[in-house]
Protein backbone atom coordinates (compact mmCIF):
# COMPACT_ATOMS: atom_id res chain seq x y z
CA MET A 1 8.95 2.63 -47.96
CA THR A 2 9.19 5.96 -46.17
CA ASP A 3 7.37 6.77 -42.96
CA ILE A 4 5.00 9.13 -44.81
CA GLN A 5 4.11 6.47 -47.39
CA LEU A 6 3.46 3.97 -44.63
CA GLN A 7 1.22 6.45 -42.77
CA VAL A 8 -0.80 7.22 -45.92
CA ILE A 9 -1.31 3.52 -46.72
CA THR A 10 -2.28 2.83 -43.10
CA TYR A 11 -4.78 5.72 -43.21
CA LEU A 12 -6.33 4.49 -46.47
CA ARG A 13 -6.75 0.97 -45.09
CA GLU A 14 -8.75 2.18 -42.08
CA LYS A 15 -12.54 2.33 -42.53
CA PRO A 16 -14.04 4.11 -44.36
CA GLY A 17 -10.91 4.43 -46.50
CA PRO A 18 -10.94 3.01 -50.01
CA LEU A 19 -8.43 0.29 -49.16
CA ALA A 20 -10.12 -0.84 -45.93
CA ASN A 21 -11.11 -4.23 -47.38
CA GLN A 22 -8.61 -4.42 -50.21
CA GLU A 23 -7.56 -7.95 -49.24
CA GLN A 24 -11.13 -9.21 -49.81
CA THR A 25 -12.29 -6.98 -52.67
CA GLN A 26 -9.03 -6.65 -54.65
CA SER A 27 -10.78 -3.67 -56.29
CA TYR A 28 -8.14 -0.98 -56.25
CA ASN A 29 -5.05 -1.21 -58.43
CA GLN A 30 -2.78 1.20 -60.27
CA ASN A 31 -5.27 1.50 -63.17
CA SER A 32 -8.46 2.04 -61.14
CA ALA A 33 -8.58 5.83 -61.48
CA THR A 34 -7.93 5.71 -65.23
CA VAL A 35 -10.54 2.99 -65.84
CA LEU A 36 -13.13 4.83 -63.72
CA LEU A 37 -12.52 8.10 -65.55
CA GLU A 38 -12.84 6.38 -68.95
CA LYS A 39 -16.07 4.61 -67.99
CA ILE A 40 -17.58 7.84 -66.67
CA ARG A 41 -16.64 9.64 -69.90
CA ASP A 42 -18.01 6.77 -72.02
CA ALA A 43 -21.33 6.98 -70.15
CA LYS A 44 -21.82 10.47 -71.64
CA PHE A 45 -23.51 12.01 -68.63
CA PRO A 46 -25.24 15.37 -69.25
CA THR A 47 -22.62 17.20 -67.19
CA ASP A 48 -18.96 16.68 -66.37
CA ILE A 49 -17.67 15.64 -62.98
CA ALA A 50 -15.16 18.09 -61.50
CA LYS A 51 -11.66 16.96 -60.52
CA GLY A 52 -12.41 17.40 -56.82
CA GLU A 53 -15.62 15.41 -57.14
CA PHE A 54 -13.75 12.63 -58.95
CA LEU A 55 -11.11 12.48 -56.21
CA GLN A 56 -13.84 12.27 -53.57
CA ILE A 57 -15.49 9.44 -55.51
CA LEU A 58 -12.17 7.56 -55.46
CA ASN A 59 -11.79 8.18 -51.74
CA MET A 60 -15.38 7.56 -50.60
CA ARG A 61 -16.52 4.97 -53.14
CA PRO A 62 -20.17 6.09 -52.78
CA SER A 63 -22.70 3.27 -53.04
CA SER A 64 -25.96 5.20 -52.63
CA SER A 65 -27.55 8.39 -53.92
CA ALA A 66 -27.21 9.96 -50.47
CA GLN A 67 -23.46 9.32 -50.41
CA LEU A 68 -23.12 10.46 -54.02
CA SER A 69 -24.95 13.67 -53.17
CA ALA A 70 -22.34 14.40 -50.51
CA VAL A 71 -19.63 14.13 -53.16
CA ILE A 72 -21.21 15.83 -56.20
CA GLU A 73 -22.31 19.43 -55.90
CA ASP A 74 -25.92 20.10 -56.99
CA MET A 75 -26.27 16.45 -57.93
CA GLU A 76 -30.07 16.48 -58.21
CA ASP A 77 -29.90 19.42 -60.63
CA ARG A 78 -27.09 17.96 -62.72
CA PHE A 79 -28.02 14.26 -62.88
CA THR A 80 -31.31 12.44 -63.29
CA GLU A 81 -32.11 9.58 -60.93
CA GLU A 82 -31.27 7.16 -63.75
CA ASP A 83 -27.89 8.88 -64.28
CA GLN A 84 -27.18 8.72 -60.54
CA ASN A 85 -27.88 4.98 -60.48
CA ARG A 86 -25.70 4.43 -63.56
CA LEU A 87 -22.86 6.37 -61.91
CA ILE A 88 -23.19 4.31 -58.73
CA ASP A 89 -23.11 1.12 -60.82
CA ILE A 90 -19.97 2.28 -62.66
CA ILE A 91 -18.26 3.10 -59.37
CA ALA A 92 -19.16 -0.33 -57.95
CA GLU A 93 -18.02 -2.08 -61.14
CA VAL A 94 -14.60 -0.42 -61.14
CA LEU A 95 -13.89 0.14 -57.45
CA GLY A 96 -15.99 -2.62 -55.92
CA ARG A 97 -18.05 -2.44 -52.76
CA ASP A 98 -16.97 -3.07 -49.22
CA GLU A 99 -20.51 -3.72 -48.07
CA PRO A 100 -23.28 -5.66 -49.82
CA ALA A 101 -25.67 -3.52 -51.88
CA GLN A 102 -28.77 -2.53 -49.95
CA ASN A 103 -30.95 -1.63 -52.94
CA GLY A 104 -31.86 1.80 -51.59
CA THR A 105 -33.25 0.52 -48.28
CA GLU A 106 -30.86 2.71 -46.31
CA ASP A 107 -32.23 5.89 -47.91
CA GLU A 108 -35.84 4.69 -47.54
CA ASN A 109 -35.36 3.79 -43.86
CA ALA A 110 -33.75 7.16 -43.16
CA MET A 111 -36.66 8.99 -44.80
CA GLU A 112 -39.21 6.88 -42.90
CA SER A 113 -37.47 7.70 -39.60
CA ILE A 114 -37.57 11.40 -40.40
CA GLU A 115 -41.25 11.29 -41.33
CA THR A 116 -42.34 9.24 -38.30
CA GLY A 117 -39.93 10.83 -35.85
CA ASN A 118 -38.41 7.48 -34.85
């Protein structure tokens, strides 16, 4: 393995990299990108996901609407809330999750803090 390859793998294994918990999740493998792309296509979303957005999904492994919004341009205009949740479920199914699902509580707590000023 070359020095560059070693540096890239080391970078990807550091949080929040997609391989940070690979030993526990065993989620990523050589077919992950292909399987994810096929499942997204099979879901027949109302709009396509751009190549750059797809690469960011692979890198970030978004597990909430807020994270997904950071990856997909104009997400609220392009995807319904149901579509967003389906996409998050597909990502979790193929790429796994490093952290346990929080069922939207992170987004709700953030909004509550903004509204109350806490």
